Amino acid sequence: MKTLFEIEGLGFPEALRWHQGDLWFSDMFRGKVMRWSVDKKLETIVDAKSNGPVMPGGLGWLPNGDLIVVDCNEAKLIRRSATGALTVYADLSDLTKFPLNDMFIDKSGVAWVGGYGFDPESQARTLSPLYKVAVDGQITTTKPQFVFPNGCDQYQDLFAVAETFIDQISYLNRDGDIVKKYQLPAGSGPDGISFDGQGRLFVASAFLGSLDFIDNKDNLVNFFRFDNSTTSSRGIYDCAINAETGIVAFASASSDEKYAMEHDTGSITFMELT
């Protein structure tokens, strides 16, 4: 396990995605969607200062190559065309009064979108669905069966969703029905997730400052963990595996959300899988 590179000075990096060899991510607290290229060049692609979302979340690409960005606060999906033009792709604000969160776009172009479903600071946990947006604009939902659905990814026919506030990973079939549940240790706070090329699921455990993976025998194996006993507490909030290069990128920031909003504590670390 070797650290290759680190991007520092970010606000709150989330929604890490490898796309065409580059790492894309949302800096949620700075209102930016950014791209890091293999020559270590960092550039802003979408910016709240130029009509982008104030709080961008999940990222994905349509079959034609257009970028879709979750506008968390407005509960909308924003489309960025090849020319850089931003338009509303889907408006989900009539379906939920709470913010949206992460998203996965499958090979057919269907966007699977999760949302808060409740206010975790003031309300009891409530079940909510995933919202499915097809390329023809049709919007459907799964059953309301998730508690704060967060990071999501797919391996072959299995779709995984992290449920942050109940320390659980739910596995779905193509119809959106839960076929399996995996219980993580109490207090894990699973956030972003990513499958590797072997079907192992990497899980960013936000509340533990830990990056782990569930192997093919359902064992939970630690990959990296911050020593939060001797340093300022940091959480790991997302991860992305590049199966072709064998590189894992993971995002971290101060676990003090208020402090992280006011200071650039965020970073992305690149490591070898082996």
C-alpha atoms as a PDB file:
ATOM      1  CA  MET A   1       0.000   0.000   0.000  1.00  0.00           C
ATOM      2  CA  LYS A   2       1.736   3.111  -1.266  1.00  0.00           C
ATOM      3  CA  THR A   3       0.604   6.733  -1.313  1.00  0.00           C
ATOM      4  CA  LEU A   4       1.128   8.138  -4.804  1.00  0.00           C
ATOM      5  CA  PHE A   5      -0.194  11.666  -4.647  1.00  0.00           C
ATOM      6  CA  GLU A   6      -2.414  13.985  -2.629  1.00  0.00           C
ATOM      7  CA  ILE A   7      -4.571  16.965  -3.537  1.00  0.00           C
ATOM      8  CA  GLU A   8      -4.863  19.382  -0.610  1.00  0.00           C
ATOM      9  CA  GLY A   9      -6.568  22.697   0.072  1.00  0.00           C
ATOM     10  CA  LEU A  10     -10.082  21.555  -0.840  1.00  0.00           C
ATOM     11  CA  GLY A  11     -13.288  22.326   1.006  1.00  0.00           C
ATOM     12  CA  PHE A  12     -15.308  19.115   1.206  1.00  0.00           C
ATOM     13  CA  PRO A  13     -14.563  16.734  -1.696  1.00  0.00           C
ATOM     14  CA  GLU A  14     -17.259  14.182  -2.466  1.00  0.00           C
ATOM     15  CA  ALA A  15     -18.711  12.197  -5.397  1.00  0.00           C
ATOM     16  CA  LEU A  16     -15.344  10.917  -6.630  1.00  0.00           C
ATOM     17  CA  ARG A  17     -15.594   9.416 -10.124  1.00  0.00           C
ATOM     18  CA  TRP A  18     -12.976   8.060 -12.512  1.00  0.00           C
ATOM     19  CA  HIS A  19     -13.965   9.026 -16.056  1.00  0.00           C
ATOM     20  CA  GLN A  20     -11.807   8.606 -19.147  1.00  0.00           C
ATOM     21  CA  GLY A  21      -8.705   8.324 -16.994  1.00  0.00           C
ATOM     22  CA  ASP A  22      -9.334  11.491 -14.978  1.00  0.00           C
ATOM     23  CA  LEU A  23     -10.730  11.858 -11.470  1.00  0.00           C
ATOM     24  CA  TRP A  24     -13.813  14.054 -11.203  1.00  0.00           C
ATOM     25  CA  PHE A  25     -15.338  15.199  -7.919  1.00  0.00           C
ATOM     26  CA  SER A  26     -17.636  17.728  -6.298  1.00  0.00           C
ATOM     27  CA  ASP A  27     -16.260  20.184  -3.762  1.00  0.00           C
ATOM     28  CA  MET A  28     -19.581  20.487  -1.983  1.00  0.00           C
ATOM     29  CA  PHE A  29     -18.694  23.335   0.370  1.00  0.00           C
ATOM     30  CA  ARG A  30     -17.070  25.412  -2.377  1.00  0.00           C
ATOM     31  CA  GLY A  31     -19.754  24.959  -5.044  1.00  0.00           C
ATOM     32  CA  LYS A  32     -17.466  23.387  -7.621  1.00  0.00           C
ATOM     33  CA  VAL A  33     -17.238  20.308  -9.809  1.00  0.00           C
ATOM     34  CA  MET A  34     -13.569  19.648 -10.523  1.00  0.00           C
ATOM     35  CA  ARG A  35     -11.423  17.372 -12.651  1.00  0.00           C
ATOM     36  CA  TRP A  36      -7.932  16.108 -11.861  1.00  0.00           C
ATOM     37  CA  SER A  37      -6.063  14.832 -14.905  1.00  0.00           C
ATOM     38  CA  VAL A  38      -3.222  12.348 -15.024  1.00  0.00           C
ATOM     39  CA  ASP A  39      -0.703  15.148 -15.510  1.00  0.00           C
ATOM     40  CA  LYS A  40      -1.783  16.349 -12.062  1.00  0.00           C
ATOM     41  CA  LYS A  41      -3.656  19.336 -13.424  1.00  0.00           C
ATOM     42  CA  LEU A  42      -6.695  20.434 -11.405  1.00  0.00           C
ATOM     43  CA  GLU A  43      -9.421  22.420 -13.129  1.00  0.00           C
ATOM     44  CA  THR A  44     -12.913  23.647 -12.297  1.00  0.00           C
ATOM     45  CA  ILE A  45     -15.609  22.388 -14.683  1.00  0.00           C
ATOM     46  CA  VAL A  46     -18.783  23.681 -12.999  1.00  0.00           C
ATOM     47  CA  ASP A  47     -18.844  26.595 -10.557  1.00  0.00           C
ATOM     48  CA  ALA A  48     -21.609  28.101  -8.432  1.00  0.00           C
ATOM     49  CA  LYS A  49     -20.201  31.494  -9.423  1.00  0.00           C
ATOM     50  CA  SER A  50     -21.152  30.671 -13.031  1.00  0.00           C
ATOM     51  CA  ASN A  51     -24.721  29.414 -12.455  1.00  0.00           C
ATOM     52  CA  GLY A  52     -23.691  25.995 -11.157  1.00  0.00           C
ATOM     53  CA  PRO A  53     -25.228  24.381  -8.056  1.00  0.00           C
ATOM     54  CA  VAL A  54     -24.378  26.000  -4.726  1.00  0.00           C
ATOM     55  CA  MET A  55     -23.935  22.504  -3.311  1.00  0.00           C
ATOM     56  CA  PRO A  56     -23.115  19.951  -6.017  1.00  0.00           C
ATOM     57  CA  GLY A  57     -23.392  16.277  -5.138  1.00  0.00           C
ATOM     58  CA  GLY A  58     -23.380  13.081  -7.160  1.00  0.00           C
ATOM     59  CA  LEU A  59     -21.899  12.982 -10.651  1.00  0.00           C
ATOM     60  CA  GLY A  60     -22.505  10.782 -13.678  1.00  0.00           C
ATOM     61  CA  TRP A  61     -22.472  10.725 -17.460  1.00  0.00           C
ATOM     62  CA  LEU A  62     -25.208  10.038 -19.990  1.00  0.00           C
ATOM     63  CA  PRO A  63     -24.530   7.662 -22.904  1.00  0.00           C
ATOM     64  CA  ASN A  64     -23.870  10.689 -25.151  1.00  0.00           C
ATOM     65  CA  GLY A  65     -21.161  11.948 -22.783  1.00  0.00           C
ATOM     66  CA  ASP A  66     -23.052  14.822 -21.149  1.00  0.00           C
ATOM     67  CA  LEU A  67     -22.253  15.340 -17.464  1.00  0.00           C
ATOM     68  CA  ILE A  68     -25.082  15.205 -14.912  1.00  0.00           C
ATOM     69  CA  VAL A  69     -24.594  16.941 -11.558  1.00  0.00           C
ATOM     70  CA  VAL A  70     -26.876  16.625  -8.544  1.00  0.00           C
ATOM     71  CA  ASP A  71     -27.976  20.015  -7.239  1.00  0.00           C
ATOM     72  CA  CYS A  72     -28.433  18.940  -3.630  1.00  0.00           C
ATOM     73  CA  ASN A  73     -30.172  22.008  -2.225  1.00  0.00           C
ATOM     74  CA  GLU A  74     -32.594  22.539  -5.116  1.00  0.00           C
ATOM     75  CA  ALA A  75     -33.355  18.814  -5.581  1.00  0.00           C
ATOM     76  CA  LYS A  76     -32.561  18.956  -9.286  1.00  0.00           C
ATOM     77  CA  LEU A  77     -30.248  17.264 -11.756  1.00  0.00           C
ATOM     78  CA  ILE A  78     -28.191  19.666 -13.847  1.00  0.00           C
ATOM     79  CA  ARG A  79     -26.934  18.745 -17.297  1.00  0.00           C
ATOM     80  CA  ARG A  80     -23.663  20.058 -18.718  1.00  0.00           C
ATOM     81  CA  SER A  81     -23.426  19.663 -22.482  1.00  0.00           C
ATOM     82  CA  ALA A  82     -20.259  19.312 -24.530  1.00  0.00           C
ATOM     83  CA  THR A  83     -20.318  23.081 -25.063  1.00  0.00           C
ATOM     84  CA  GLY A  84     -20.387  23.723 -21.314  1.00  0.00           C
ATOM     85  CA  ALA A  85     -24.014  24.906 -21.255  1.00  0.00           C
ATOM     86  CA  LEU A  86     -25.914  24.132 -18.035  1.00  0.00           C
ATOM     87  CA  THR A  87     -29.611  23.175 -18.112  1.00  0.00           C
ATOM     88  CA  VAL A  88     -32.049  21.454 -15.765  1.00  0.00           C
ATOM     89  CA  TYR A  89     -32.137  17.764 -16.664  1.00  0.00           C
ATOM     90  CA  ALA A  90     -34.697  16.700 -14.052  1.00  0.00           C
ATOM     91  CA  ASP A  91     -36.574  18.470 -11.266  1.00  0.00           C
ATOM     92  CA  LEU A  92     -37.275  16.247  -8.257  1.00  0.00           C
ATOM     93  CA  SER A  93     -38.319  19.031  -5.906  1.00  0.00           C
ATOM     94  CA  ASP A  94     -41.977  17.974  -6.076  1.00  0.00           C
ATOM     95  CA  LEU A  95     -41.014  14.516  -4.810  1.00  0.00           C
ATOM     96  CA  THR A  96     -38.987  15.510  -1.754  1.00  0.00           C
ATOM     97  CA  LYS A  97     -38.662  18.515   0.512  1.00  0.00           C
ATOM     98  CA  PHE A  98     -35.213  17.398   1.636  1.00  0.00           C
ATOM     99  CA  PRO A  99     -31.856  17.723  -0.141  1.00  0.00           C
ATOM    100  CA  LEU A 100     -30.662  15.213  -2.694  1.00  0.00           C
ATOM    101  CA  ASN A 101     -27.330  13.504  -2.257  1.00  0.00           C
ATOM    102  CA  ASP A 102     -25.436  10.996  -4.367  1.00  0.00           C
ATOM    103  CA  MET A 103     -26.211   9.433  -7.747  1.00  0.00           C
ATOM    104  CA  PHE A 104     -25.212   6.602 -10.063  1.00  0.00           C
ATOM    105  CA  ILE A 105     -25.940   6.512 -13.798  1.00  0.00           C
ATOM    106  CA  ASP A 106     -26.083   3.004 -15.249  1.00  0.00           C
ATOM    107  CA  LYS A 107     -25.097   1.907 -18.750  1.00  0.00           C
ATOM    108  CA  SER A 108     -28.602   2.508 -20.110  1.00  0.00           C
ATOM    109  CA  GLY A 109     -28.470   6.104 -18.898  1.00  0.00           C
ATOM    110  CA  VAL A 110     -30.845   5.731 -15.949  1.00  0.00           C
ATOM    111  CA  ALA A 111     -29.844   7.984 -13.059  1.00  0.00           C
ATOM    112  CA  TRP A 112     -30.378   6.450  -9.617  1.00  0.00           C
ATOM    113  CA  VAL A 113     -30.553   9.299  -7.114  1.00  0.00           C
ATOM    114  CA  GLY A 114     -30.671   9.258  -3.328  1.00  0.00           C
ATOM    115  CA  GLY A 115     -31.768  11.960  -0.933  1.00  0.00           C
ATOM    116  CA  TYR A 116     -31.781  12.735   2.762  1.00  0.00           C
ATOM    117  CA  GLY A 117     -35.405  11.723   3.294  1.00  0.00           C
ATOM    118  CA  PHE A 118     -35.427  13.504   6.669  1.00  0.00           C
ATOM    119  CA  ASP A 119     -33.465  16.054   8.669  1.00  0.00           C
ATOM    120  CA  PRO A 120     -30.902  13.992  10.619  1.00  0.00           C
ATOM    121  CA  GLU A 121     -30.375  16.809  13.118  1.00  0.00           C
ATOM    122  CA  SER A 122     -33.997  17.227  14.170  1.00  0.00           C
ATOM    123  CA  GLN A 123     -36.167  14.373  12.901  1.00  0.00           C
ATOM    124  CA  ALA A 124     -36.555  10.665  13.441  1.00  0.00           C
ATOM    125  CA  ARG A 125     -35.140   8.369  10.786  1.00  0.00           C
ATOM    126  CA  THR A 126     -37.549   7.910   7.915  1.00  0.00           C
ATOM    127  CA  LEU A 127     -37.530   5.486   5.003  1.00  0.00           C
ATOM    128  CA  SER A 128     -37.178   7.037   1.571  1.00  0.00           C
ATOM    129  CA  PRO A 129     -36.865   5.755  -2.014  1.00  0.00           C
ATOM    130  CA  LEU A 130     -34.296   6.084  -4.732  1.00  0.00           C
ATOM    131  CA  TYR A 131     -35.413   8.277  -7.622  1.00  0.00           C
ATOM    132  CA  LYS A 132     -34.852   6.879 -11.110  1.00  0.00           C
ATOM    133  CA  VAL A 133     -34.581   9.283 -14.045  1.00  0.00           C
ATOM    134  CA  ALA A 134     -34.598   7.700 -17.514  1.00  0.00           C
ATOM    135  CA  VAL A 135     -33.050   9.311 -20.583  1.00  0.00           C
ATOM    136  CA  ASP A 136     -36.527  10.035 -21.955  1.00  0.00           C
ATOM    137  CA  GLY A 137     -37.272  12.121 -18.867  1.00  0.00           C
ATOM    138  CA  GLN A 138     -39.524   9.611 -17.126  1.00  0.00           C
ATOM    139  CA  ILE A 139     -39.144   9.715 -13.341  1.00  0.00           C
ATOM    140  CA  THR A 140     -39.997   6.719 -11.175  1.00  0.00           C
ATOM    141  CA  THR A 141     -39.115   5.656  -7.642  1.00  0.00           C
ATOM    142  CA  THR A 142     -38.223   2.484  -5.836  1.00  0.00           C
ATOM    143  CA  LYS A 143     -40.050   1.480  -2.686  1.00  0.00           C
ATOM    144  CA  PRO A 144     -39.367   3.762   0.310  1.00  0.00           C
ATOM    145  CA  GLN A 145     -36.949   1.295   1.888  1.00  0.00           C
ATOM    146  CA  PHE A 146     -33.737   3.212   2.645  1.00  0.00           C
ATOM    147  CA  VAL A 147     -32.556   5.303   5.581  1.00  0.00           C
ATOM    148  CA  PHE A 148     -30.532   8.220   4.186  1.00  0.00           C
ATOM    149  CA  PRO A 149     -29.384   6.522   0.964  1.00  0.00           C
ATOM    150  CA  ASN A 150     -25.941   7.831   0.158  1.00  0.00           C
ATOM    151  CA  GLY A 151     -23.091   6.434  -1.950  1.00  0.00           C
ATOM    152  CA  CYS A 152     -24.073   3.987  -4.668  1.00  0.00           C
ATOM    153  CA  ASP A 153     -22.303   1.817  -7.230  1.00  0.00           C
ATOM    154  CA  GLN A 154     -22.911  -1.211  -9.431  1.00  0.00           C
ATOM    155  CA  TYR A 155     -21.011  -4.416 -10.153  1.00  0.00           C
ATOM    156  CA  GLN A 156     -22.480  -6.651 -12.843  1.00  0.00           C
ATOM    157  CA  ASP A 157     -26.179  -6.999 -11.930  1.00  0.00           C
ATOM    158  CA  LEU A 158     -25.775  -6.007  -8.282  1.00  0.00           C
ATOM    159  CA  PHE A 159     -26.427  -2.431  -7.190  1.00  0.00           C
ATOM    160  CA  ALA A 160     -25.197  -1.290  -3.766  1.00  0.00           C
ATOM    161  CA  VAL A 161     -26.391   1.633  -1.649  1.00  0.00           C
ATOM    162  CA  ALA A 162     -24.846   2.925   1.584  1.00  0.00           C
ATOM    163  CA  GLU A 163     -27.295   3.872   4.335  1.00  0.00           C
ATOM    164  CA  THR A 164     -25.249   6.223   6.463  1.00  0.00           C
ATOM    165  CA  PHE A 165     -27.274   6.490   9.651  1.00  0.00           C
ATOM    166  CA  ILE A 166     -27.996   2.788  10.133  1.00  0.00           C
ATOM    167  CA  ASP A 167     -24.485   1.526   9.246  1.00  0.00           C
ATOM    168  CA  GLN A 168     -25.795  -0.647   6.453  1.00  0.00           C
ATOM    169  CA  ILE A 169     -25.125  -1.536   2.830  1.00  0.00           C
ATOM    170  CA  SER A 170     -28.177  -2.645   0.866  1.00  0.00           C
ATOM    171  CA  TYR A 171     -27.810  -4.615  -2.364  1.00  0.00           C
ATOM    172  CA  LEU A 172     -30.497  -4.267  -5.018  1.00  0.00           C
ATOM    173  CA  ASN A 173     -31.495  -6.066  -8.182  1.00  0.00           C
ATOM    174  CA  ARG A 174     -32.299  -4.299 -11.448  1.00  0.00           C
ATOM    175  CA  ASP A 175     -35.878  -3.711 -10.329  1.00  0.00           C
ATOM    176  CA  GLY A 176     -34.712  -1.802  -7.266  1.00  0.00           C
ATOM    177  CA  ASP A 177     -35.701  -4.485  -4.751  1.00  0.00           C
ATOM    178  CA  ILE A 178     -33.368  -5.219  -1.839  1.00  0.00           C
ATOM    179  CA  VAL A 179     -31.920  -8.715  -2.155  1.00  0.00           C
ATOM    180  CA  LYS A 180     -29.253  -8.550   0.553  1.00  0.00           C
ATOM    181  CA  LYS A 181     -28.168  -6.391   3.487  1.00  0.00           C
ATOM    182  CA  TYR A 182     -24.736  -6.056   5.059  1.00  0.00           C
ATOM    183  CA  GLN A 183     -24.404  -4.677   8.564  1.00  0.00           C
ATOM    184  CA  LEU A 184     -21.293  -2.646   9.318  1.00  0.00           C
ATOM    185  CA  PRO A 185     -19.902  -1.968  12.812  1.00  0.00           C
ATOM    186  CA  ALA A 186     -21.927   0.492  14.861  1.00  0.00           C
ATOM    187  CA  GLY A 187     -20.879   4.082  14.320  1.00  0.00           C
ATOM    188  CA  SER A 188     -19.298   3.479  10.898  1.00  0.00           C
ATOM    189  CA  GLY A 189     -21.403   5.970   8.963  1.00  0.00           C
ATOM    190  CA  PRO A 190     -20.919   4.488   5.474  1.00  0.00           C
ATOM    191  CA  ASP A 191     -20.786   7.305   2.938  1.00  0.00           C
ATOM    192  CA  GLY A 192     -19.199   6.823  -0.490  1.00  0.00           C
ATOM    193  CA  ILE A 193     -18.701   3.322  -1.910  1.00  0.00           C
ATOM    194  CA  SER A 194     -16.914   1.852  -4.920  1.00  0.00           C
ATOM    195  CA  PHE A 195     -16.550  -1.642  -6.373  1.00  0.00           C
ATOM    196  CA  ASP A 196     -13.164  -2.801  -7.592  1.00  0.00           C
ATOM    197  CA  GLY A 197     -12.634  -5.094 -10.568  1.00  0.00           C
ATOM    198  CA  GLN A 198     -13.002  -8.204  -8.388  1.00  0.00           C
ATOM    199  CA  GLY A 199     -16.387  -7.293  -6.959  1.00  0.00           C
ATOM    200  CA  ARG A 200     -15.023  -6.173  -3.603  1.00  0.00           C
ATOM    201  CA  LEU A 201     -16.919  -3.186  -2.256  1.00  0.00           C
ATOM    202  CA  PHE A 202     -14.817  -0.377  -0.791  1.00  0.00           C
ATOM    203  CA  VAL A 203     -16.624   1.667   1.851  1.00  0.00           C
ATOM    204  CA  ALA A 204     -15.705   5.107   3.154  1.00  0.00           C
ATOM    205  CA  SER A 205     -16.735   5.020   6.816  1.00  0.00           C
ATOM    206  CA  ALA A 206     -17.166   8.710   7.496  1.00  0.00           C
ATOM    207  CA  PHE A 207     -17.584   8.581  11.256  1.00  0.00           C
ATOM    208  CA  LEU A 208     -14.601   6.269  11.842  1.00  0.00           C
ATOM    209  CA  GLY A 209     -12.157   7.936   9.454  1.00  0.00           C
ATOM    210  CA  SER A 210     -11.692   4.543   7.867  1.00  0.00           C
ATOM    211  CA  LEU A 211     -11.585   3.021   4.390  1.00  0.00           C
ATOM    212  CA  ASP A 212     -12.525  -0.656   4.356  1.00  0.00           C
ATOM    213  CA  PHE A 213     -13.655  -3.228   1.837  1.00  0.00           C
ATOM    214  CA  ILE A 214     -16.121  -6.100   1.917  1.00  0.00           C
ATOM    215  CA  ASP A 215     -14.432  -9.056   0.256  1.00  0.00           C
ATOM    216  CA  ASN A 216     -16.097 -11.813  -1.756  1.00  0.00           C
ATOM    217  CA  LYS A 217     -16.650 -13.866   1.395  1.00  0.00           C
ATOM    218  CA  ASP A 218     -18.368 -10.971   3.191  1.00  0.00           C
ATOM    219  CA  ASN A 219     -15.391 -10.266   5.430  1.00  0.00           C
ATOM    220  CA  LEU A 220     -14.793  -6.624   6.324  1.00  0.00           C
ATOM    221  CA  VAL A 221     -11.126  -5.756   5.765  1.00  0.00           C
ATOM    222  CA  ASN A 222      -9.482  -2.474   6.736  1.00  0.00           C
ATOM    223  CA  PHE A 223      -7.506  -0.723   3.994  1.00  0.00           C
ATOM    224  CA  PHE A 224      -6.654   2.606   5.639  1.00  0.00           C
ATOM    225  CA  ARG A 225      -7.595   4.398   8.842  1.00  0.00           C
ATOM    226  CA  PHE A 226      -6.735   7.793  10.290  1.00  0.00           C
ATOM    227  CA  ASP A 227      -5.348   7.785  13.802  1.00  0.00           C
ATOM    228  CA  ASN A 228      -7.884  10.219  15.205  1.00  0.00           C
ATOM    229  CA  SER A 229      -6.638   9.679  18.753  1.00  0.00           C
ATOM    230  CA  THR A 230      -3.554  11.822  18.233  1.00  0.00           C
ATOM    231  CA  THR A 231      -4.536  14.230  15.460  1.00  0.00           C
ATOM    232  CA  SER A 232      -7.446  16.476  14.632  1.00  0.00           C
ATOM    233  CA  SER A 233     -10.327  14.177  13.814  1.00  0.00           C
ATOM    234  CA  ARG A 234     -10.791  13.453  10.104  1.00  0.00           C
ATOM    235  CA  GLY A 235     -13.502  11.573   8.311  1.00  0.00           C
ATOM    236  CA  ILE A 236     -13.225   9.662   5.048  1.00  0.00           C
ATOM    237  CA  TYR A 237     -16.251  10.560   2.973  1.00  0.00           C
ATOM    238  CA  ASP A 238     -15.840   8.945  -0.415  1.00  0.00           C
ATOM    239  CA  CYS A 239     -13.679   6.636  -2.493  1.00  0.00           C
ATOM    240  CA  ALA A 240     -13.271   5.640  -6.125  1.00  0.00           C
ATOM    241  CA  ILE A 241     -11.450   2.628  -7.529  1.00  0.00           C
ATOM    242  CA  ASN A 242      -9.754   2.742 -10.916  1.00  0.00           C
ATOM    243  CA  ALA A 243      -9.798  -0.958 -11.761  1.00  0.00           C
ATOM    244  CA  GLU A 244      -7.598  -0.468 -14.834  1.00  0.00           C
ATOM    245  CA  THR A 245      -4.711   1.192 -12.993  1.00  0.00           C
ATOM    246  CA  GLY A 246      -5.171  -0.358  -9.555  1.00  0.00           C
ATOM    247  CA  ILE A 247      -5.427   3.042  -7.896  1.00  0.00           C
ATOM    248  CA  VAL A 248      -7.859   4.028  -5.161  1.00  0.00           C
ATOM    249  CA  ALA A 249      -8.656   7.669  -4.485  1.00  0.00           C
ATOM    250  CA  PHE A 250     -10.343   8.648  -1.239  1.00  0.00           C
ATOM    251  CA  ALA A 251     -11.612  11.975   0.056  1.00  0.00           C
ATOM    252  CA  SER A 252     -11.194  13.232   3.603  1.00  0.00           C
ATOM    253  CA  ALA A 253     -11.809  16.395   5.589  1.00  0.00           C
ATOM    254  CA  SER A 254     -12.241  17.577   9.156  1.00  0.00           C
ATOM    255  CA  SER A 255     -15.036  15.709  10.893  1.00  0.00           C
ATOM    256  CA  ASP A 256     -16.125  19.034  12.389  1.00  0.00           C
ATOM    257  CA  GLU A 257     -18.567  20.092   9.675  1.00  0.00           C
ATOM    258  CA  LYS A 258     -18.766  23.723  10.764  1.00  0.00           C
ATOM    259  CA  TYR A 259     -14.979  23.998  10.785  1.00  0.00           C
ATOM    260  CA  ALA A 260     -14.756  22.290   7.395  1.00  0.00           C
ATOM    261  CA  MET A 261     -17.214  24.778   5.914  1.00  0.00           C
ATOM    262  CA  GLU A 262     -15.018  27.682   7.002  1.00  0.00           C
ATOM    263  CA  HIS A 263     -11.576  26.181   6.344  1.00  0.00           C
ATOM    264  CA  ASP A 264     -10.051  24.215   3.482  1.00  0.00           C
ATOM    265  CA  THR A 265      -9.405  20.957   5.325  1.00  0.00           C
ATOM    266  CA  GLY A 266     -10.358  18.680   2.431  1.00  0.00           C
ATOM    267  CA  SER A 267      -7.951  16.444   0.561  1.00  0.00           C
ATOM    268  CA  ILE A 268      -7.943  13.538  -1.881  1.00  0.00           C
ATOM    269  CA  THR A 269      -5.354  10.794  -1.437  1.00  0.00           C
ATOM    270  CA  PHE A 270      -4.286   8.426  -4.222  1.00  0.00           C
ATOM    271  CA  MET A 271      -2.978   4.999  -3.209  1.00  0.00           C
ATOM    272  CA  GLU A 272      -2.064   1.727  -4.854  1.00  0.00           C
ATOM    273  CA  LEU A 273      -4.512  -1.065  -4.130  1.00  0.00           C
ATOM    274  CA  THR A 274      -1.693  -3.522  -3.487  1.00  0.00           C
END
